[in-house]
């Protein structure tokens, strides 16, 4: 919803810091929103389930290694809405780090 925060800023509808949300699944997208002045900050939740090292990989120039959130909602939101432990279809280890070990 960066278009919403941009409109609010451009039209000076509000004078508080604005956070863009929803479907920001890559560091480059987040940076683009911030550098264009469309928002003061961005919210990224599901991308961190898909790849908890997303920021580290981006800082190290390893964007091609990022396990990208596909926004399917099947293991994160759908599970959370029915009281199950959230996880991630592209990273089944998410929220199960102590149960599923990788050797």
PDB file of N, CA and C in Angstrom:
ATOM      1  N   UNK A   1       0.807  -1.203   0.000  1.00  0.00           N
ATOM      2  CA  UNK A   1       0.000   0.000   0.000  1.00  0.00           C
ATOM      3  C   UNK A   1       0.848   1.264   0.000  1.00  0.00           C
ATOM      4  N   UNK A   2       1.994   1.194  -0.642  1.00  0.00           N
ATOM      5  CA  UNK A   2       2.863   2.364  -0.721  1.00  0.00           C
ATOM      6  C   UNK A   2       2.184   3.498  -1.486  1.00  0.00           C
ATOM      7  N   UNK A   3       1.301   3.167  -2.396  1.00  0.00           N
ATOM      8  CA  UNK A   3       0.582   4.212  -3.133  1.00  0.00           C
ATOM      9  C   UNK A   3      -0.299   5.028  -2.190  1.00  0.00           C
ATOM     10  N   UNK A   4      -0.804   4.387  -1.128  1.00  0.00           N
ATOM     11  CA  UNK A   4      -1.646   5.098  -0.148  1.00  0.00           C
ATOM     12  C   UNK A   4      -0.798   6.060   0.674  1.00  0.00           C
ATOM     13  N   UNK A   5       0.328   5.569   1.180  1.00  0.00           N
ATOM     14  CA  UNK A   5       1.182   6.445   1.986  1.00  0.00           C
ATOM     15  C   UNK A   5       1.727   7.583   1.138  1.00  0.00           C
ATOM     16  N   UNK A   6       2.042   7.297  -0.130  1.00  0.00           N
ATOM     17  CA  UNK A   6       2.520   8.363  -1.024  1.00  0.00           C
ATOM     18  C   UNK A   6       1.453   9.438  -1.202  1.00  0.00           C
ATOM     19  N   UNK A   7       0.238   9.022  -1.426  1.00  0.00           N
ATOM     20  CA  UNK A   7      -0.870   9.979  -1.604  1.00  0.00           C
ATOM     21  C   UNK A   7      -1.067  10.807  -0.337  1.00  0.00           C
ATOM     22  N   UNK A   8      -1.036  10.164   0.809  1.00  0.00           N
ATOM     23  CA  UNK A   8      -1.200  10.881   2.076  1.00  0.00           C
ATOM     24  C   UNK A   8      -0.100  11.912   2.277  1.00  0.00           C
ATOM     25  N   UNK A   9       1.132  11.542   1.888  1.00  0.00           N
ATOM     26  CA  UNK A   9       2.264  12.482   2.026  1.00  0.00           C
ATOM     27  C   UNK A   9       2.180  13.602   1.003  1.00  0.00           C
ATOM     28  N   UNK A  10       1.951  13.235  -0.269  1.00  0.00           N
ATOM     29  CA  UNK A  10       1.925  14.234  -1.340  1.00  0.00           C
ATOM     30  C   UNK A  10       0.833  15.278  -1.131  1.00  0.00           C
ATOM     31  N   UNK A  11      -0.306  14.833  -0.647  1.00  0.00           N
ATOM     32  CA  UNK A  11      -1.433  15.749  -0.461  1.00  0.00           C
ATOM     33  C   UNK A  11      -1.458  16.361   0.942  1.00  0.00           C
ATOM     34  N   UNK A  12      -0.407  16.051   1.722  1.00  0.00           N
ATOM     35  CA  UNK A  12      -0.262  16.596   3.076  1.00  0.00           C
ATOM     36  C   UNK A  12      -1.528  16.387   3.914  1.00  0.00           C
ATOM     37  N   UNK A  13      -2.083  15.183   3.794  1.00  0.00           N
ATOM     38  CA  UNK A  13      -3.292  14.826   4.530  1.00  0.00           C
ATOM     39  C   UNK A  13      -2.980  14.571   5.998  1.00  0.00           C
ATOM     40  N   UNK A  14      -1.809  14.036   6.262  1.00  0.00           N
ATOM     41  CA  UNK A  14      -1.375  13.779   7.641  1.00  0.00           C
ATOM     42  C   UNK A  14       0.025  14.335   7.830  1.00  0.00           C
ATOM     43  N   UNK A  15       0.393  14.525   9.085  1.00  0.00           N
ATOM     44  CA  UNK A  15       1.736  15.055   9.372  1.00  0.00           C
ATOM     45  C   UNK A  15       2.514  14.139  10.313  1.00  0.00           C
ATOM     46  N   UNK A  16       2.159  12.867  10.302  1.00  0.00           N
ATOM     47  CA  UNK A  16       2.848  11.885  11.136  1.00  0.00           C
ATOM     48  C   UNK A  16       3.656  10.955  10.232  1.00  0.00           C
ATOM     49  N   UNK A  17       4.664  10.284  10.779  1.00  0.00           N
ATOM     50  CA  UNK A  17       5.409   9.310   9.970  1.00  0.00           C
ATOM     51  C   UNK A  17       4.470   8.213   9.460  1.00  0.00           C
ATOM     52  N   UNK A  18       4.697   7.769   8.229  1.00  0.00           N
ATOM     53  CA  UNK A  18       3.832   6.769   7.612  1.00  0.00           C
ATOM     54  C   UNK A  18       4.605   5.502   7.283  1.00  0.00           C
ATOM     55  N   UNK A  19       3.942   4.368   7.507  1.00  0.00           N
ATOM     56  CA  UNK A  19       4.534   3.056   7.271  1.00  0.00           C
ATOM     57  C   UNK A  19       3.800   2.364   6.127  1.00  0.00           C
ATOM     58  N   UNK A  20       4.524   1.986   5.088  1.00  0.00           N
ATOM     59  CA  UNK A  20       3.947   1.233   3.975  1.00  0.00           C
ATOM     60  C   UNK A  20       3.948  -0.249   4.336  1.00  0.00           C
ATOM     61  N   UNK A  21       2.885  -0.941   3.957  1.00  0.00           N
ATOM     62  CA  UNK A  21       2.740  -2.355   4.306  1.00  0.00           C
ATOM     63  C   UNK A  21       2.229  -3.154   3.115  1.00  0.00           C
ATOM     64  N   UNK A  22       2.227  -4.454   3.272  1.00  0.00           N
ATOM     65  CA  UNK A  22       1.624  -5.429   2.366  1.00  0.00           C
ATOM     66  C   UNK A  22       2.405  -5.650   1.080  1.00  0.00           C
ATOM     67  N   UNK A  23       2.808  -6.871   0.921  1.00  0.00           N
ATOM     68  CA  UNK A  23       3.472  -7.387  -0.275  1.00  0.00           C
ATOM     69  C   UNK A  23       4.810  -6.716  -0.587  1.00  0.00           C
ATOM     70  N   UNK A  24       5.466  -6.253   0.457  1.00  0.00           N
ATOM     71  CA  UNK A  24       6.837  -5.763   0.303  1.00  0.00           C
ATOM     72  C   UNK A  24       7.712  -6.964   0.655  1.00  0.00           C
ATOM     73  N   UNK A  25       8.127  -7.701  -0.365  1.00  0.00           N
ATOM     74  CA  UNK A  25       8.799  -8.972  -0.100  1.00  0.00           C
ATOM     75  C   UNK A  25      10.263  -9.016  -0.501  1.00  0.00           C
ATOM     76  N   UNK A  26      10.816  -7.850  -0.849  1.00  0.00           N
ATOM     77  CA  UNK A  26      12.227  -7.811  -1.227  1.00  0.00           C
ATOM     78  C   UNK A  26      12.864  -6.530  -0.703  1.00  0.00           C
ATOM     79  N   UNK A  27      14.110  -6.609  -0.269  1.00  0.00           N
ATOM     80  CA  UNK A  27      14.803  -5.415   0.207  1.00  0.00           C
ATOM     81  C   UNK A  27      14.843  -4.304  -0.838  1.00  0.00           C
ATOM     82  N   UNK A  28      14.945  -4.664  -2.105  1.00  0.00           N
ATOM     83  CA  UNK A  28      14.984  -3.646  -3.153  1.00  0.00           C
ATOM     84  C   UNK A  28      13.659  -2.899  -3.245  1.00  0.00           C
ATOM     85  N   UNK A  29      12.557  -3.603  -3.035  1.00  0.00           N
ATOM     86  CA  UNK A  29      11.244  -2.962  -3.033  1.00  0.00           C
ATOM     87  C   UNK A  29      11.133  -2.006  -1.851  1.00  0.00           C
ATOM     88  N   UNK A  30      11.563  -2.456  -0.695  1.00  0.00           N
ATOM     89  CA  UNK A  30      11.527  -1.611   0.503  1.00  0.00           C
ATOM     90  C   UNK A  30      12.369  -0.359   0.302  1.00  0.00           C
ATOM     91  N   UNK A  31      13.570  -0.531  -0.237  1.00  0.00           N
ATOM     92  CA  UNK A  31      14.464   0.605  -0.461  1.00  0.00           C
ATOM     93  C   UNK A  31      13.864   1.584  -1.462  1.00  0.00           C
ATOM     94  N   UNK A  32      13.227   1.073  -2.484  1.00  0.00           N
ATOM     95  CA  UNK A  32      12.600   1.929  -3.487  1.00  0.00           C
ATOM     96  C   UNK A  32      11.488   2.782  -2.874  1.00  0.00           C
ATOM     97  N   UNK A  33      10.689   2.181  -2.031  1.00  0.00           N
ATOM     98  CA  UNK A  33       9.609   2.911  -1.349  1.00  0.00           C
ATOM     99  C   UNK A  33      10.186   4.014  -0.477  1.00  0.00           C
ATOM    100  N   UNK A  34      11.232   3.689   0.268  1.00  0.00           N
ATOM    101  CA  UNK A  34      11.841   4.675   1.170  1.00  0.00           C
ATOM    102  C   UNK A  34      12.560   5.779   0.399  1.00  0.00           C
ATOM    103  N   UNK A  35      13.340   5.399  -0.606  1.00  0.00           N
ATOM    104  CA  UNK A  35      14.118   6.407  -1.329  1.00  0.00           C
ATOM    105  C   UNK A  35      13.245   7.327  -2.178  1.00  0.00           C
ATOM    106  N   UNK A  36      12.073   6.854  -2.582  1.00  0.00           N
ATOM    107  CA  UNK A  36      11.162   7.700  -3.362  1.00  0.00           C
ATOM    108  C   UNK A  36      10.366   8.652  -2.474  1.00  0.00           C
ATOM    109  N   UNK A  37      10.474   8.452  -1.155  1.00  0.00           N
ATOM    110  CA  UNK A  37       9.727   9.298  -0.235  1.00  0.00           C
ATOM    111  C   UNK A  37       8.269   8.903  -0.093  1.00  0.00           C
ATOM    112  N   UNK A  38       7.923   7.701  -0.553  1.00  0.00           N
ATOM    113  CA  UNK A  38       6.537   7.248  -0.460  1.00  0.00           C
ATOM    114  C   UNK A  38       6.120   6.896   0.961  1.00  0.00           C
ATOM    115  N   UNK A  39       7.087   6.607   1.820  1.00  0.00           N
ATOM    116  CA  UNK A  39       6.802   6.272   3.218  1.00  0.00           C
ATOM    117  C   UNK A  39       8.051   6.537   4.053  1.00  0.00           C
ATOM    118  N   UNK A  40       7.846   6.627   5.354  1.00  0.00           N
ATOM    119  CA  UNK A  40       8.962   6.830   6.275  1.00  0.00           C
ATOM    120  C   UNK A  40       9.586   5.512   6.702  1.00  0.00           C
ATOM    121  N   UNK A  41       8.800   4.460   6.694  1.00  0.00           N
ATOM    122  CA  UNK A  41       9.297   3.131   7.012  1.00  0.00           C
ATOM    123  C   UNK A  41       8.426   2.104   6.329  1.00  0.00           C
ATOM    124  N   UNK A  42       8.907   0.880   6.278  1.00  0.00           N
ATOM    125  CA  UNK A  42       8.154  -0.204   5.659  1.00  0.00           C
ATOM    126  C   UNK A  42       7.983  -1.335   6.668  1.00  0.00           C
ATOM    127  N   UNK A  43       6.919  -2.074   6.485  1.00  0.00           N
ATOM    128  CA  UNK A  43       6.639  -3.228   7.332  1.00  0.00           C
ATOM    129  C   UNK A  43       6.797  -4.490   6.500  1.00  0.00           C
ATOM    130  N   UNK A  44       7.646  -5.375   6.980  1.00  0.00           N
ATOM    131  CA  UNK A  44       7.853  -6.657   6.305  1.00  0.00           C
ATOM    132  C   UNK A  44       7.759  -7.747   7.368  1.00  0.00           C
ATOM    133  N   UNK A  45       6.768  -8.621   7.263  1.00  0.00           N
ATOM    134  CA  UNK A  45       6.629  -9.703   8.230  1.00  0.00           C
ATOM    135  C   UNK A  45       6.852 -11.056   7.558  1.00  0.00           C
ATOM    136  N   UNK A  46       5.997 -11.401   6.620  1.00  0.00           N
ATOM    137  CA  UNK A  46       6.102 -12.711   5.967  1.00  0.00           C
ATOM    138  C   UNK A  46       7.459 -12.961   5.320  1.00  0.00           C
ATOM    139  N   UNK A  47       8.102 -11.937   4.732  1.00  0.00           N
ATOM    140  CA  UNK A  47       9.423 -12.203   4.152  1.00  0.00           C
ATOM    141  C   UNK A  47      10.439 -12.723   5.171  1.00  0.00           C
ATOM    142  N   UNK A  48      10.265 -12.369   6.446  1.00  0.00           N
ATOM    143  CA  UNK A  48      11.192 -12.853   7.462  1.00  0.00           C
ATOM    144  C   UNK A  48      10.898 -14.296   7.853  1.00  0.00           C
ATOM    145  N   UNK A  49       9.668 -14.754   7.648  1.00  0.00           N
ATOM    146  CA  UNK A  49       9.376 -16.177   7.813  1.00  0.00           C
ATOM    147  C   UNK A  49      10.005 -16.959   6.663  1.00  0.00           C
ATOM    148  N   UNK A  50       9.895 -16.421   5.465  1.00  0.00           N
ATOM    149  CA  UNK A  50      10.456 -17.098   4.290  1.00  0.00           C
ATOM    150  C   UNK A  50      11.976 -17.189   4.363  1.00  0.00           C
ATOM    151  N   UNK A  51      12.607 -16.131   4.864  1.00  0.00           N
ATOM    152  CA  UNK A  51      14.072 -16.128   4.975  1.00  0.00           C
ATOM    153  C   UNK A  51      14.503 -15.209   6.113  1.00  0.00           C
ATOM    154  N   UNK A  52      14.812 -15.778   7.268  1.00  0.00           N
ATOM    155  CA  UNK A  52      15.212 -14.945   8.408  1.00  0.00           C
ATOM    156  C   UNK A  52      16.511 -14.178   8.179  1.00  0.00           C
ATOM    157  N   UNK A  53      17.282 -14.551   7.162  1.00  0.00           N
ATOM    158  CA  UNK A  53      18.537 -13.870   6.847  1.00  0.00           C
ATOM    159  C   UNK A  53      18.393 -12.874   5.698  1.00  0.00           C
ATOM    160  N   UNK A  54      17.184 -12.436   5.423  1.00  0.00           N
ATOM    161  CA  UNK A  54      16.920 -11.564   4.285  1.00  0.00           C
ATOM    162  C   UNK A  54      17.753 -10.279   4.320  1.00  0.00           C
ATOM    163  N   UNK A  55      17.864  -9.646   5.467  1.00  0.00           N
ATOM    164  CA  UNK A  55      18.618  -8.393   5.572  1.00  0.00           C
ATOM    165  C   UNK A  55      20.112  -8.659   5.405  1.00  0.00           C
ATOM    166  N   UNK A  56      20.591  -9.678   6.063  1.00  0.00           N
ATOM    167  CA  UNK A  56      22.023 -10.023   5.961  1.00  0.00           C
ATOM    168  C   UNK A  56      22.410 -10.327   4.515  1.00  0.00           C
ATOM    169  N   UNK A  57      21.605 -11.135   3.839  1.00  0.00           N
ATOM    170  CA  UNK A  57      21.909 -11.488   2.450  1.00  0.00           C
ATOM    171  C   UNK A  57      21.882 -10.251   1.556  1.00  0.00           C
ATOM    172  N   UNK A  58      20.940  -9.359   1.810  1.00  0.00           N
ATOM    173  CA  UNK A  58      20.858  -8.131   1.017  1.00  0.00           C
ATOM    174  C   UNK A  58      22.082  -7.255   1.244  1.00  0.00           C
ATOM    175  N   UNK A  59      22.468  -7.076   2.498  1.00  0.00           N
ATOM    176  CA  UNK A  59      23.650  -6.259   2.813  1.00  0.00           C
ATOM    177  C   UNK A  59      24.909  -6.818   2.184  1.00  0.00           C
ATOM    178  N   UNK A  60      24.979  -8.146   2.076  1.00  0.00           N
ATOM    179  CA  UNK A  60      26.164  -8.799   1.524  1.00  0.00           C
ATOM    180  C   UNK A  60      26.094  -8.946   0.007  1.00  0.00           C
ATOM    181  N   UNK A  61      25.052  -8.377  -0.610  1.00  0.00           N
ATOM    182  CA  UNK A  61      24.925  -8.461  -2.060  1.00  0.00           C
ATOM    183  C   UNK A  61      24.542  -9.838  -2.562  1.00  0.00           C
ATOM    184  N   UNK A  62      23.865 -10.610  -1.723  1.00  0.00           N
ATOM    185  CA  UNK A  62      23.477 -11.971  -2.095  1.00  0.00           C
ATOM    186  C   UNK A  62      21.958 -12.080  -2.288  1.00  0.00           C
ATOM    187  N   UNK A  63      21.379 -11.073  -2.954  1.00  0.00           N
ATOM    188  CA  UNK A  63      19.935 -11.057  -3.152  1.00  0.00           C
ATOM    189  C   UNK A  63      19.432 -12.304  -3.872  1.00  0.00           C
ATOM    190  N   UNK A  64      20.274 -12.860  -4.748  1.00  0.00           N
ATOM    191  CA  UNK A  64      19.874 -14.052  -5.493  1.00  0.00           C
ATOM    192  C   UNK A  64      19.707 -15.276  -4.591  1.00  0.00           C
ATOM    193  N   UNK A  65      20.194 -15.208  -3.355  1.00  0.00           N
ATOM    194  CA  UNK A  65      20.071 -16.312  -2.410  1.00  0.00           C
ATOM    195  C   UNK A  65      18.876 -16.159  -1.473  1.00  0.00           C
ATOM    196  N   UNK A  66      18.170 -15.044  -1.559  1.00  0.00           N
ATOM    197  CA  UNK A  66      17.029 -14.806  -0.665  1.00  0.00           C
ATOM    198  C   UNK A  66      15.888 -15.748  -1.037  1.00  0.00           C
ATOM    199  N   UNK A  67      15.363 -16.420  -0.037  1.00  0.00           N
ATOM    200  CA  UNK A  67      14.200 -17.284  -0.194  1.00  0.00           C
ATOM    201  C   UNK A  67      12.972 -16.370  -0.144  1.00  0.00           C
ATOM    202  N   UNK A  68      12.378 -16.076  -1.267  1.00  0.00           N
ATOM    203  CA  UNK A  68      11.351 -15.047  -1.380  1.00  0.00           C
ATOM    204  C   UNK A  68       9.967 -15.538  -0.987  1.00  0.00           C
ATOM    205  N   UNK A  69       9.297 -14.742  -0.200  1.00  0.00           N
ATOM    206  CA  UNK A  69       7.903 -14.998   0.172  1.00  0.00           C
ATOM    207  C   UNK A  69       7.049 -14.950  -1.087  1.00  0.00           C
ATOM    208  N   UNK A  70       6.179 -15.950  -1.263  1.00  0.00           N
ATOM    209  CA  UNK A  70       5.302 -15.986  -2.430  1.00  0.00           C
ATOM    210  C   UNK A  70       3.886 -15.509  -2.095  1.00  0.00           C
ATOM    211  N   UNK A  71       3.684 -15.026  -0.881  1.00  0.00           N
ATOM    212  CA  UNK A  71       2.402 -14.458  -0.438  1.00  0.00           C
ATOM    213  C   UNK A  71       1.233 -15.423  -0.566  1.00  0.00           C
ATOM    214  N   UNK A  72       1.476 -16.679  -0.306  1.00  0.00           N
ATOM    215  CA  UNK A  72       0.407 -17.674  -0.426  1.00  0.00           C
ATOM    216  C   UNK A  72      -0.506 -17.690   0.806  1.00  0.00           C
ATOM    217  N   UNK A  73       0.032 -17.265   1.949  1.00  0.00           N
ATOM    218  CA  UNK A  73      -0.702 -17.211   3.227  1.00  0.00           C
ATOM    219  C   UNK A  73      -1.108 -18.566   3.797  1.00  0.00           C
ATOM    220  N   UNK A  74      -0.746 -19.650   3.150  1.00  0.00           N
ATOM    221  CA  UNK A  74      -1.235 -20.962   3.547  1.00  0.00           C
ATOM    222  C   UNK A  74      -0.669 -21.475   4.859  1.00  0.00           C
ATOM    223  N   UNK A  75       0.592 -21.212   5.138  1.00  0.00           N
ATOM    224  CA  UNK A  75       1.186 -21.735   6.366  1.00  0.00           C
ATOM    225  C   UNK A  75       1.399 -20.658   7.421  1.00  0.00           C
ATOM    226  N   UNK A  76       1.349 -19.404   7.026  1.00  0.00           N
ATOM    227  CA  UNK A  76       1.534 -18.334   8.013  1.00  0.00           C
ATOM    228  C   UNK A  76       0.176 -17.823   8.502  1.00  0.00           C
ATOM    229  N   UNK A  77      -0.498 -17.046   7.709  1.00  0.00           N
ATOM    230  CA  UNK A  77      -1.767 -16.462   8.153  1.00  0.00           C
ATOM    231  C   UNK A  77      -2.868 -17.493   8.346  1.00  0.00           C
ATOM    232  N   UNK A  78      -3.044 -18.399   7.403  1.00  0.00           N
ATOM    233  CA  UNK A  78      -4.102 -19.403   7.548  1.00  0.00           C
ATOM    234  C   UNK A  78      -3.934 -20.212   8.829  1.00  0.00           C
ATOM    235  N   UNK A  79      -2.712 -20.579   9.152  1.00  0.00           N
ATOM    236  CA  UNK A  79      -2.472 -21.308  10.402  1.00  0.00           C
ATOM    237  C   UNK A  79      -2.740 -20.423  11.615  1.00  0.00           C
ATOM    238  N   UNK A  80      -2.269 -19.201  11.570  1.00  0.00           N
ATOM    239  CA  UNK A  80      -2.453 -18.290  12.706  1.00  0.00           C
ATOM    240  C   UNK A  80      -3.937 -18.033  12.977  1.00  0.00           C
ATOM    241  N   UNK A  81      -4.732 -17.917  11.932  1.00  0.00           N
ATOM    242  CA  UNK A  81      -6.155 -17.623  12.101  1.00  0.00           C
ATOM    243  C   UNK A  81      -6.925 -18.753  12.770  1.00  0.00           C
ATOM    244  N   UNK A  82      -6.402 -19.973  12.713  1.00  0.00           N
ATOM    245  CA  UNK A  82      -7.090 -21.101  13.350  1.00  0.00           C
ATOM    246  C   UNK A  82      -6.344 -21.610  14.585  1.00  0.00           C
ATOM    247  N   UNK A  83      -5.414 -20.808  15.087  1.00  0.00           N
ATOM    248  CA  UNK A  83      -4.725 -21.150  16.324  1.00  0.00           C
ATOM    249  C   UNK A  83      -3.591 -22.145  16.180  1.00  0.00           C
ATOM    250  N   UNK A  84      -3.153 -22.408  14.962  1.00  0.00           N
ATOM    251  CA  UNK A  84      -2.007 -23.304  14.749  1.00  0.00           C
ATOM    252  C   UNK A  84      -0.728 -22.477  14.741  1.00  0.00           C
ATOM    253  N   UNK A  85       0.392 -23.151  14.924  1.00  0.00           N
ATOM    254  CA  UNK A  85       1.690 -22.484  14.833  1.00  0.00           C
ATOM    255  C   UNK A  85       1.928 -22.066  13.395  1.00  0.00           C
ATOM    256  N   UNK A  86       2.269 -20.821  13.213  1.00  0.00           N
ATOM    257  CA  UNK A  86       2.563 -20.319  11.871  1.00  0.00           C
ATOM    258  C   UNK A  86       3.836 -20.969  11.352  1.00  0.00           C
ATOM    259  N   UNK A  87       3.933 -21.053  10.049  1.00  0.00           N
ATOM    260  CA  UNK A  87       5.137 -21.543   9.398  1.00  0.00           C
ATOM    261  C   UNK A  87       5.206 -20.883   8.023  1.00  0.00           C
ATOM    262  N   UNK A  88       5.847 -21.532   7.073  1.00  0.00           N
ATOM    263  CA  UNK A  88       5.999 -20.936   5.748  1.00  0.00           C
ATOM    264  C   UNK A  88       6.175 -22.046   4.713  1.00  0.00           C
ATOM    265  N   UNK A  89       5.428 -21.966   3.623  1.00  0.00           N
ATOM    266  CA  UNK A  89       5.552 -22.999   2.594  1.00  0.00           C
ATOM    267  C   UNK A  89       6.914 -22.990   1.920  1.00  0.00           C
ATOM    268  N   UNK A  90       7.543 -21.817   1.798  1.00  0.00           N
ATOM    269  CA  UNK A  90       8.869 -21.788   1.181  1.00  0.00           C
ATOM    270  C   UNK A  90       9.988 -21.969   2.207  1.00  0.00           C
ATOM    271  N   UNK A  91       9.644 -22.010   3.491  1.00  0.00           N
ATOM    272  CA  UNK A  91      10.610 -22.281   4.556  1.00  0.00           C
ATOM    273  C   UNK A  91       9.892 -23.028   5.686  1.00  0.00           C
ATOM    274  N   UNK A  92       9.667 -24.329   5.517  1.00  0.00           N
ATOM    275  CA  UNK A  92       8.928 -25.096   6.517  1.00  0.00           C
ATOM    276  C   UNK A  92       9.565 -25.107   7.908  1.00  0.00           C
ATOM    277  N   UNK A  93      10.822 -24.732   7.983  1.00  0.00           N
ATOM    278  CA  UNK A  93      11.510 -24.683   9.276  1.00  0.00           C
ATOM    279  C   UNK A  93      11.078 -23.462  10.105  1.00  0.00           C
ATOM    280  N   UNK A  94      10.483 -22.466   9.471  1.00  0.00           N
ATOM    281  CA  UNK A  94      10.051 -21.250  10.165  1.00  0.00           C
ATOM    282  C   UNK A  94       9.104 -21.603  11.298  1.00  0.00           C
ATOM    283  N   UNK A  95       9.407 -21.083  12.468  1.00  0.00           N
ATOM    284  CA  UNK A  95       8.633 -21.316  13.700  1.00  0.00           C
ATOM    285  C   UNK A  95       8.750 -22.742  14.226  1.00  0.00           C
ATOM    286  N   UNK A  96       9.614 -23.514  13.617  1.00  0.00           N
ATOM    287  CA  UNK A  96       9.880 -24.890  14.066  1.00  0.00           C
ATOM    288  C   UNK A  96      11.379 -25.129  14.181  1.00  0.00           C
ATOM    289  N   UNK A  97      12.126 -24.059  14.409  1.00  0.00           N
ATOM    290  CA  UNK A  97      13.587 -24.134  14.411  1.00  0.00           C
ATOM    291  C   UNK A  97      14.134 -25.126  15.417  1.00  0.00           C
ATOM    292  N   UNK A  98      13.449 -25.300  16.549  1.00  0.00           N
ATOM    293  CA  UNK A  98      13.955 -26.216  17.570  1.00  0.00           C
ATOM    294  C   UNK A  98      13.482 -27.655  17.330  1.00  0.00           C
ATOM    295  N   UNK A  99      12.548 -27.824  16.408  1.00  0.00           N
ATOM    296  CA  UNK A  99      12.020 -29.155  16.125  1.00  0.00           C
ATOM    297  C   UNK A  99      12.611 -29.778  14.864  1.00  0.00           C
ATOM    298  N   UNK A 100      12.884 -28.937  13.861  1.00  0.00           N
ATOM    299  CA  UNK A 100      13.418 -29.411  12.588  1.00  0.00           C
ATOM    300  C   UNK A 100      14.863 -28.931  12.478  1.00  0.00           C
ATOM    301  N   UNK A 101      15.791 -29.870  12.561  1.00  0.00           N
ATOM    302  CA  UNK A 101      17.210 -29.485  12.471  1.00  0.00           C
ATOM    303  C   UNK A 101      17.753 -29.869  11.102  1.00  0.00           C
ATOM    304  N   UNK A 102      18.661 -29.041  10.638  1.00  0.00           N
ATOM    305  CA  UNK A 102      19.327 -29.299   9.360  1.00  0.00           C
ATOM    306  C   UNK A 102      20.772 -29.612   9.645  1.00  0.00           C
ATOM    307  N   UNK A 103      21.204 -30.761   9.212  1.00  0.00           N
ATOM    308  CA  UNK A 103      22.597 -31.176   9.474  1.00  0.00           C
ATOM    309  C   UNK A 103      23.404 -31.183   8.217  1.00  0.00           C
TER     310      UNK A 103
END
